[in-house]
Amino acid sequence: MQQIPMTVRGAEQLREELDFLKNTRRPEIIKAIAEAREHGDLKENAEYHAAREQQGFCEGRIQEIEGKLANCQIIDITKLPNNGKVIFGTTVSLINVKNDDEVTYKIVGDDEADIKAGLISVNSPIARGLIGKEEGDTVAIQTPGGRIEFEIEKVEYK
């Protein structure tokens, strides 16, 4: 199986979610199933079926997270020398050549991506266009909104 790149923070967030699901959510669902069973006939017991469905989702998510953590490659960008090159985990400040708007993105794993927080997936068109480039480079990136030219103002390893 292919290794999944992940930042230190991304791995921490998955471990926190896994801990919550195993130690809080799973016992809540088991209790809800037990209470629903006490109400008698399971065939027409909506509470029982809803709790069983929640249990399925919870167990599926637990397996998914465990699989990702087992196959992840945690990259601690702070331990790498900053040579000005854009790689996984770097924070990149860009200037839109057309209108001088400035944006800053951190390139992260798929699970961590949150465009509103400035976290873009390593597999996104913008990240793919930036990887391997350096501070001062101008790159043209095809986005859903059209082709945009950015100048790479700053690359940080933080």
N, C-alpha and C. Protein backbone atom coordinates (compact mmCIF):
# COMPACT_ATOMS: atom_id res chain seq x y z
N MET A 1 0.84 -1.19 0.00
CA MET A 1 0.00 0.00 0.00
C MET A 1 0.88 1.25 0.00
N GLN A 2 0.43 2.26 -0.68
CA GLN A 2 1.18 3.51 -0.81
C GLN A 2 1.18 4.28 0.50
N GLN A 3 2.35 4.84 0.85
CA GLN A 3 2.43 5.64 2.06
C GLN A 3 1.75 6.98 1.85
N ILE A 4 1.03 7.44 2.87
CA ILE A 4 0.29 8.70 2.81
C ILE A 4 1.11 9.76 3.53
N PRO A 5 1.50 10.85 2.83
CA PRO A 5 2.25 11.90 3.53
C PRO A 5 1.33 12.64 4.50
N MET A 6 1.87 12.98 5.66
CA MET A 6 1.07 13.64 6.69
C MET A 6 1.99 14.52 7.53
N THR A 7 1.48 15.67 7.94
CA THR A 7 2.26 16.52 8.83
C THR A 7 2.14 15.96 10.25
N VAL A 8 3.00 16.43 11.12
CA VAL A 8 2.95 16.01 12.53
C VAL A 8 1.58 16.37 13.12
N ARG A 9 1.09 17.58 12.83
CA ARG A 9 -0.22 18.02 13.35
C ARG A 9 -1.35 17.16 12.79
N GLY A 10 -1.27 16.81 11.51
CA GLY A 10 -2.30 15.96 10.90
C GLY A 10 -2.39 14.60 11.57
N ALA A 11 -1.23 14.02 11.89
CA ALA A 11 -1.20 12.72 12.57
C ALA A 11 -1.78 12.86 13.98
N GLU A 12 -1.45 13.96 14.68
CA GLU A 12 -1.99 14.20 16.02
C GLU A 12 -3.51 14.29 15.97
N GLN A 13 -4.04 15.02 14.98
CA GLN A 13 -5.50 15.18 14.87
C GLN A 13 -6.18 13.83 14.64
N LEU A 14 -5.59 12.98 13.79
CA LEU A 14 -6.17 11.66 13.56
C LEU A 14 -6.12 10.81 14.82
N ARG A 15 -5.01 10.88 15.56
CA ARG A 15 -4.92 10.11 16.81
C ARG A 15 -5.96 10.59 17.83
N GLU A 16 -6.18 11.92 17.88
CA GLU A 16 -7.19 12.47 18.80
C GLU A 16 -8.59 11.98 18.41
N GLU A 17 -8.89 12.00 17.12
CA GLU A 17 -10.20 11.53 16.67
C GLU A 17 -10.37 10.05 16.97
N LEU A 18 -9.32 9.27 16.74
CA LEU A 18 -9.36 7.83 17.01
C LEU A 18 -9.61 7.57 18.49
N ASP A 19 -8.91 8.31 19.34
CA ASP A 19 -9.09 8.17 20.79
C ASP A 19 -10.53 8.50 21.19
N PHE A 20 -11.09 9.59 20.63
CA PHE A 20 -12.47 9.97 20.92
C PHE A 20 -13.45 8.88 20.48
N LEU A 21 -13.25 8.36 19.27
CA LEU A 21 -14.16 7.34 18.75
C LEU A 21 -14.11 6.07 19.59
N LYS A 22 -12.91 5.64 19.97
CA LYS A 22 -12.77 4.39 20.72
C LYS A 22 -13.20 4.52 22.18
N ASN A 23 -12.86 5.64 22.80
CA ASN A 23 -13.07 5.76 24.25
C ASN A 23 -14.31 6.54 24.67
N THR A 24 -14.92 7.28 23.75
CA THR A 24 -16.11 8.04 24.10
C THR A 24 -17.30 7.61 23.24
N ARG A 25 -17.13 7.72 21.93
CA ARG A 25 -18.26 7.47 21.02
C ARG A 25 -18.70 6.00 21.03
N ARG A 26 -17.73 5.08 20.95
CA ARG A 26 -18.06 3.64 20.92
C ARG A 26 -18.86 3.24 22.17
N PRO A 27 -18.42 3.60 23.39
CA PRO A 27 -19.20 3.24 24.58
C PRO A 27 -20.60 3.88 24.59
N GLU A 28 -20.74 5.11 24.08
CA GLU A 28 -22.05 5.75 24.00
C GLU A 28 -22.99 4.95 23.10
N ILE A 29 -22.47 4.51 21.97
CA ILE A 29 -23.30 3.75 21.02
C ILE A 29 -23.68 2.40 21.62
N ILE A 30 -22.74 1.73 22.27
CA ILE A 30 -23.03 0.43 22.90
C ILE A 30 -24.13 0.59 23.94
N LYS A 31 -24.06 1.67 24.71
CA LYS A 31 -25.09 1.94 25.73
C LYS A 31 -26.45 2.19 25.06
N ALA A 32 -26.45 2.96 23.96
CA ALA A 32 -27.70 3.25 23.24
C ALA A 32 -28.32 1.97 22.68
N ILE A 33 -27.48 1.06 22.18
CA ILE A 33 -27.98 -0.22 21.65
C ILE A 33 -28.59 -1.04 22.78
N ALA A 34 -27.92 -1.08 23.93
CA ALA A 34 -28.42 -1.84 25.08
C ALA A 34 -29.77 -1.28 25.55
N GLU A 35 -29.87 0.05 25.62
CA GLU A 35 -31.14 0.67 26.04
C GLU A 35 -32.26 0.38 25.03
N ALA A 36 -31.93 0.45 23.75
CA ALA A 36 -32.94 0.18 22.71
C ALA A 36 -33.40 -1.27 22.76
N ARG A 37 -32.49 -2.20 23.07
CA ARG A 37 -32.85 -3.62 23.18
C ARG A 37 -33.87 -3.86 24.28
N GLU A 38 -33.74 -3.07 25.34
CA GLU A 38 -34.65 -3.22 26.47
C GLU A 38 -36.09 -2.85 26.11
N HIS A 39 -36.27 -2.09 25.03
CA HIS A 39 -37.60 -1.69 24.62
C HIS A 39 -38.36 -2.79 23.88
N GLY A 40 -37.75 -3.94 23.73
CA GLY A 40 -38.48 -5.06 23.16
C GLY A 40 -38.20 -5.31 21.68
N ASP A 41 -39.26 -5.56 20.92
CA ASP A 41 -39.21 -5.98 19.52
C ASP A 41 -38.21 -5.17 18.70
N LEU A 42 -37.16 -5.83 18.24
CA LEU A 42 -36.09 -5.14 17.51
C LEU A 42 -36.46 -4.83 16.07
N LYS A 43 -37.41 -5.58 15.50
CA LYS A 43 -37.77 -5.36 14.09
C LYS A 43 -38.33 -3.98 13.84
N GLU A 44 -39.12 -3.48 14.78
CA GLU A 44 -39.77 -2.19 14.59
C GLU A 44 -39.22 -1.13 15.54
N ASN A 45 -38.01 -1.34 16.00
CA ASN A 45 -37.41 -0.43 16.97
C ASN A 45 -36.45 0.52 16.25
N ALA A 46 -36.92 1.74 15.97
CA ALA A 46 -36.13 2.72 15.22
C ALA A 46 -34.87 3.14 15.98
N GLU A 47 -34.97 3.25 17.29
CA GLU A 47 -33.81 3.64 18.09
C GLU A 47 -32.69 2.60 17.96
N TYR A 48 -33.07 1.34 17.98
CA TYR A 48 -32.10 0.25 17.86
C TYR A 48 -31.41 0.32 16.49
N HIS A 49 -32.21 0.47 15.43
CA HIS A 49 -31.64 0.51 14.08
C HIS A 49 -30.75 1.74 13.88
N ALA A 50 -31.14 2.87 14.45
CA ALA A 50 -30.33 4.09 14.34
C ALA A 50 -29.01 3.90 15.08
N ALA A 51 -29.05 3.30 16.25
CA ALA A 51 -27.83 3.07 17.03
C ALA A 51 -26.91 2.09 16.31
N ARG A 52 -27.48 1.05 15.70
CA ARG A 52 -26.67 0.08 14.95
C ARG A 52 -26.02 0.74 13.74
N GLU A 53 -26.76 1.66 13.09
CA GLU A 53 -26.21 2.38 11.95
C GLU A 53 -25.04 3.28 12.39
N GLN A 54 -25.24 3.97 13.52
CA GLN A 54 -24.16 4.80 14.07
C GLN A 54 -22.94 3.95 14.41
N GLN A 55 -23.21 2.75 14.93
CA GLN A 55 -22.12 1.85 15.27
C GLN A 55 -21.33 1.47 14.01
N GLY A 56 -22.03 1.21 12.93
CA GLY A 56 -21.37 0.88 11.67
C GLY A 56 -20.49 2.02 11.17
N PHE A 57 -21.03 3.25 11.22
CA PHE A 57 -20.24 4.41 10.80
C PHE A 57 -19.01 4.59 11.69
N CYS A 58 -19.20 4.47 12.99
CA CYS A 58 -18.12 4.65 13.95
C CYS A 58 -17.01 3.61 13.72
N GLU A 59 -17.39 2.34 13.61
CA GLU A 59 -16.40 1.28 13.42
C GLU A 59 -15.68 1.44 12.08
N GLY A 60 -16.42 1.88 11.05
CA GLY A 60 -15.81 2.11 9.74
C GLY A 60 -14.77 3.21 9.81
N ARG A 61 -15.09 4.29 10.52
CA ARG A 61 -14.17 5.42 10.65
C ARG A 61 -12.94 5.01 11.47
N ILE A 62 -13.15 4.20 12.51
CA ILE A 62 -12.02 3.71 13.31
C ILE A 62 -11.06 2.92 12.42
N GLN A 63 -11.61 2.02 11.59
CA GLN A 63 -10.76 1.22 10.69
C GLN A 63 -10.04 2.12 9.68
N GLU A 64 -10.75 3.11 9.16
CA GLU A 64 -10.16 4.03 8.18
C GLU A 64 -8.98 4.79 8.80
N ILE A 65 -9.17 5.33 10.00
CA ILE A 65 -8.10 6.08 10.67
C ILE A 65 -6.92 5.17 11.00
N GLU A 66 -7.21 3.98 11.53
CA GLU A 66 -6.12 3.05 11.86
C GLU A 66 -5.32 2.69 10.62
N GLY A 67 -6.01 2.52 9.48
CA GLY A 67 -5.33 2.21 8.23
C GLY A 67 -4.44 3.36 7.77
N LYS A 68 -4.96 4.58 7.89
CA LYS A 68 -4.17 5.76 7.49
C LYS A 68 -2.95 5.92 8.38
N LEU A 69 -3.13 5.76 9.68
CA LEU A 69 -2.00 5.91 10.59
C LEU A 69 -0.96 4.81 10.39
N ALA A 70 -1.41 3.62 10.03
CA ALA A 70 -0.48 2.51 9.77
C ALA A 70 0.32 2.74 8.50
N ASN A 71 -0.26 3.46 7.55
CA ASN A 71 0.41 3.67 6.26
C ASN A 71 0.86 5.10 6.03
N CYS A 72 0.98 5.87 7.11
CA CYS A 72 1.36 7.27 6.89
C CYS A 72 2.86 7.46 7.02
N GLN A 73 3.33 8.47 6.34
CA GLN A 73 4.72 8.90 6.46
C GLN A 73 4.65 10.29 7.06
N ILE A 74 5.00 10.41 8.34
CA ILE A 74 4.92 11.70 9.02
C ILE A 74 6.15 12.52 8.67
N ILE A 75 5.90 13.70 8.13
CA ILE A 75 6.99 14.58 7.71
C ILE A 75 6.99 15.80 8.63
N ASP A 76 8.08 15.96 9.37
CA ASP A 76 8.24 17.11 10.26
C ASP A 76 9.10 18.14 9.53
N ILE A 77 8.43 19.08 8.92
CA ILE A 77 9.09 20.09 8.08
C ILE A 77 10.09 20.94 8.87
N THR A 78 9.86 21.08 10.18
CA THR A 78 10.75 21.93 10.99
C THR A 78 12.14 21.31 11.14
N LYS A 79 12.26 20.02 10.87
CA LYS A 79 13.55 19.33 11.00
C LYS A 79 14.34 19.31 9.69
N LEU A 80 13.77 19.89 8.62
CA LEU A 80 14.46 19.92 7.33
C LEU A 80 15.08 21.28 7.10
N PRO A 81 16.24 21.33 6.41
CA PRO A 81 16.86 22.63 6.14
C PRO A 81 16.05 23.40 5.10
N ASN A 82 15.84 24.68 5.35
CA ASN A 82 15.07 25.52 4.41
C ASN A 82 15.99 25.96 3.28
N ASN A 83 15.77 25.36 2.11
CA ASN A 83 16.57 25.75 0.95
C ASN A 83 15.75 26.59 -0.02
N GLY A 84 14.59 27.07 0.45
CA GLY A 84 13.75 27.93 -0.38
C GLY A 84 12.89 27.18 -1.37
N LYS A 85 12.94 25.86 -1.32
CA LYS A 85 12.19 25.03 -2.27
C LYS A 85 10.84 24.63 -1.67
N VAL A 86 9.80 24.63 -2.50
CA VAL A 86 8.47 24.24 -2.05
C VAL A 86 8.39 22.71 -2.03
N ILE A 87 8.14 22.15 -0.83
CA ILE A 87 7.94 20.71 -0.68
C ILE A 87 6.75 20.49 0.24
N PHE A 88 6.38 19.22 0.43
CA PHE A 88 5.28 18.88 1.32
C PHE A 88 5.55 19.48 2.70
N GLY A 89 4.54 20.15 3.26
CA GLY A 89 4.64 20.70 4.62
C GLY A 89 5.07 22.15 4.68
N THR A 90 5.56 22.71 3.57
CA THR A 90 6.00 24.10 3.61
C THR A 90 4.81 25.05 3.59
N THR A 91 5.05 26.25 4.12
CA THR A 91 4.07 27.33 4.07
C THR A 91 4.58 28.30 3.00
N VAL A 92 3.71 28.55 2.02
CA VAL A 92 4.12 29.33 0.85
C VAL A 92 3.29 30.60 0.75
N SER A 93 3.97 31.76 0.68
CA SER A 93 3.29 33.03 0.46
C SER A 93 3.39 33.36 -1.02
N LEU A 94 2.23 33.60 -1.64
CA LEU A 94 2.15 33.84 -3.08
C LEU A 94 1.56 35.21 -3.36
N ILE A 95 2.01 35.81 -4.45
CA ILE A 95 1.40 37.06 -4.90
C ILE A 95 0.82 36.80 -6.28
N ASN A 96 -0.47 37.12 -6.43
CA ASN A 96 -1.14 37.00 -7.72
C ASN A 96 -0.56 38.09 -8.62
N VAL A 97 0.09 37.69 -9.72
CA VAL A 97 0.77 38.63 -10.60
C VAL A 97 -0.20 39.65 -11.21
N LYS A 98 -1.42 39.21 -11.46
CA LYS A 98 -2.41 40.06 -12.13
C LYS A 98 -2.92 41.20 -11.24
N ASN A 99 -3.24 40.88 -9.96
CA ASN A 99 -3.87 41.90 -9.11
C ASN A 99 -3.13 42.17 -7.80
N ASP A 100 -1.95 41.61 -7.62
CA ASP A 100 -1.12 41.81 -6.42
C ASP A 100 -1.75 41.29 -5.12
N ASP A 101 -2.81 40.48 -5.22
CA ASP A 101 -3.39 39.86 -4.01
C ASP A 101 -2.38 38.86 -3.46
N GLU A 102 -2.29 38.82 -2.12
CA GLU A 102 -1.37 37.89 -1.49
C GLU A 102 -2.16 36.79 -0.78
N VAL A 103 -1.71 35.56 -0.96
CA VAL A 103 -2.31 34.42 -0.26
C VAL A 103 -1.19 33.57 0.33
N THR A 104 -1.51 32.89 1.41
CA THR A 104 -0.54 32.00 2.04
C THR A 104 -1.19 30.64 2.21
N TYR A 105 -0.49 29.60 1.78
CA TYR A 105 -0.99 28.23 1.90
C TYR A 105 0.07 27.36 2.56
N LYS A 106 -0.41 26.39 3.33
CA LYS A 106 0.46 25.35 3.84
C LYS A 106 0.08 24.08 3.09
N ILE A 107 1.06 23.38 2.56
CA ILE A 107 0.80 22.17 1.78
C ILE A 107 0.77 20.99 2.74
N VAL A 108 -0.38 20.32 2.82
CA VAL A 108 -0.61 19.26 3.81
C VAL A 108 -1.19 18.02 3.12
N GLY A 109 -1.41 16.97 3.91
CA GLY A 109 -2.03 15.75 3.40
C GLY A 109 -3.51 15.95 3.12
N ASP A 110 -4.10 15.01 2.38
CA ASP A 110 -5.51 15.11 1.99
C ASP A 110 -6.44 15.29 3.18
N ASP A 111 -6.20 14.55 4.26
CA ASP A 111 -7.08 14.60 5.44
C ASP A 111 -7.03 15.93 6.17
N GLU A 112 -5.93 16.64 6.02
CA GLU A 112 -5.74 17.89 6.76
C GLU A 112 -6.24 19.11 5.99
N ALA A 113 -6.47 18.96 4.71
CA ALA A 113 -6.78 20.10 3.85
C ALA A 113 -8.03 20.85 4.33
N ASP A 114 -7.91 22.17 4.37
CA ASP A 114 -9.01 23.06 4.75
C ASP A 114 -8.69 24.41 4.13
N ILE A 115 -9.24 24.66 2.95
CA ILE A 115 -8.89 25.86 2.19
C ILE A 115 -9.17 27.13 2.98
N LYS A 116 -10.23 27.14 3.79
CA LYS A 116 -10.56 28.33 4.59
C LYS A 116 -9.48 28.64 5.62
N ALA A 117 -8.78 27.60 6.07
CA ALA A 117 -7.70 27.78 7.04
C ALA A 117 -6.34 27.91 6.35
N GLY A 118 -6.34 27.95 5.02
CA GLY A 118 -5.09 28.09 4.28
C GLY A 118 -4.30 26.80 4.16
N LEU A 119 -4.97 25.66 4.37
CA LEU A 119 -4.32 24.35 4.26
C LEU A 119 -4.78 23.69 2.97
N ILE A 120 -3.83 23.48 2.03
CA ILE A 120 -4.21 22.86 0.77
C ILE A 120 -3.59 21.47 0.63
N SER A 121 -4.33 20.57 0.02
CA SER A 121 -3.88 19.21 -0.18
C SER A 121 -2.69 19.17 -1.13
N VAL A 122 -1.76 18.30 -0.82
CA VAL A 122 -0.59 18.09 -1.68
C VAL A 122 -1.03 17.65 -3.08
N ASN A 123 -2.24 17.11 -3.19
CA ASN A 123 -2.76 16.65 -4.49
C ASN A 123 -3.59 17.69 -5.22
N SER A 124 -3.74 18.89 -4.64
CA SER A 124 -4.53 19.94 -5.28
C SER A 124 -3.75 20.53 -6.45
N PRO A 125 -4.46 21.13 -7.43
CA PRO A 125 -3.76 21.72 -8.58
C PRO A 125 -2.73 22.79 -8.17
N ILE A 126 -3.07 23.60 -7.18
CA ILE A 126 -2.14 24.66 -6.75
C ILE A 126 -0.88 24.04 -6.15
N ALA A 127 -1.05 23.09 -5.24
CA ALA A 127 0.12 22.46 -4.61
C ALA A 127 0.98 21.74 -5.65
N ARG A 128 0.33 21.01 -6.56
CA ARG A 128 1.09 20.30 -7.60
C ARG A 128 1.89 21.28 -8.46
N GLY A 129 1.32 22.46 -8.70
CA GLY A 129 2.02 23.47 -9.49
C GLY A 129 3.18 24.12 -8.74
N LEU A 130 3.12 24.08 -7.41
CA LEU A 130 4.15 24.74 -6.58
C LEU A 130 5.30 23.83 -6.19
N ILE A 131 5.01 22.54 -6.00
CA ILE A 131 6.03 21.59 -5.53
C ILE A 131 7.26 21.64 -6.45
N GLY A 132 8.42 21.79 -5.83
CA GLY A 132 9.67 21.80 -6.57
C GLY A 132 10.12 23.18 -7.01
N LYS A 133 9.23 24.16 -6.94
CA LYS A 133 9.59 25.53 -7.32
C LYS A 133 10.29 26.20 -6.13
N GLU A 134 10.83 27.40 -6.37
CA GLU A 134 11.60 28.08 -5.33
C GLU A 134 11.12 29.51 -5.13
N GLU A 135 11.55 30.09 -4.00
CA GLU A 135 11.26 31.50 -3.72
C GLU A 135 11.70 32.34 -4.92
N GLY A 136 10.84 33.28 -5.33
CA GLY A 136 11.17 34.16 -6.45
C GLY A 136 10.67 33.65 -7.79
N ASP A 137 10.35 32.36 -7.88
CA ASP A 137 9.82 31.80 -9.14
C ASP A 137 8.42 32.33 -9.42
N THR A 138 8.08 32.41 -10.70
CA THR A 138 6.71 32.72 -11.10
C THR A 138 6.15 31.45 -11.71
N VAL A 139 4.96 31.06 -11.24
CA VAL A 139 4.33 29.83 -11.74
C VAL A 139 2.93 30.14 -12.25
N ALA A 140 2.55 29.46 -13.33
CA ALA A 140 1.20 29.57 -13.87
C ALA A 140 0.47 28.29 -13.48
N ILE A 141 -0.64 28.45 -12.78
CA ILE A 141 -1.37 27.29 -12.28
C ILE A 141 -2.78 27.30 -12.83
N GLN A 142 -3.19 26.15 -13.36
CA GLN A 142 -4.55 25.99 -13.89
C GLN A 142 -5.46 25.67 -12.71
N THR A 143 -6.37 26.57 -12.41
CA THR A 143 -7.34 26.37 -11.31
C THR A 143 -8.72 26.22 -11.93
N PRO A 144 -9.70 25.79 -11.14
CA PRO A 144 -11.07 25.70 -11.67
C PRO A 144 -11.58 27.03 -12.21
N GLY A 145 -11.05 28.14 -11.67
CA GLY A 145 -11.46 29.47 -12.11
C GLY A 145 -10.64 30.00 -13.28
N GLY A 146 -9.73 29.19 -13.80
CA GLY A 146 -8.89 29.63 -14.92
C GLY A 146 -7.41 29.63 -14.54
N ARG A 147 -6.59 30.04 -15.47
CA ARG A 147 -5.13 30.04 -15.27
C ARG A 147 -4.72 31.28 -14.47
N ILE A 148 -3.94 31.08 -13.40
CA ILE A 148 -3.50 32.18 -12.55
C ILE A 148 -1.98 32.13 -12.44
N GLU A 149 -1.35 33.28 -12.55
CA GLU A 149 0.10 33.37 -12.36
C GLU A 149 0.39 33.89 -10.97
N PHE A 150 1.25 33.16 -10.27
CA PHE A 150 1.66 33.55 -8.93
C PHE A 150 3.17 33.72 -8.89
N GLU A 151 3.61 34.67 -8.08
CA GLU A 151 5.03 34.77 -7.78
C GLU A 151 5.20 34.21 -6.37
N ILE A 152 6.17 33.34 -6.20
CA ILE A 152 6.43 32.75 -4.88
C ILE A 152 7.26 33.76 -4.10
N GLU A 153 6.61 34.40 -3.13
CA GLU A 153 7.26 35.44 -2.35
C GLU A 153 8.13 34.86 -1.24
N LYS A 154 7.57 33.86 -0.51
CA LYS A 154 8.28 33.32 0.64
C LYS A 154 7.94 31.84 0.82
N VAL A 155 8.95 31.05 1.19
CA VAL A 155 8.76 29.63 1.49
C VAL A 155 9.27 29.42 2.90
N GLU A 156 8.37 28.96 3.79
CA GLU A 156 8.76 28.76 5.20
C GLU A 156 8.65 27.29 5.58
N TYR A 157 9.58 26.84 6.37
CA TYR A 157 9.59 25.48 6.88
C TYR A 157 9.21 25.55 8.36
N LYS A 158 7.92 25.79 8.63
CA LYS A 158 7.50 25.95 10.03
C LYS A 158 6.39 25.01 10.40
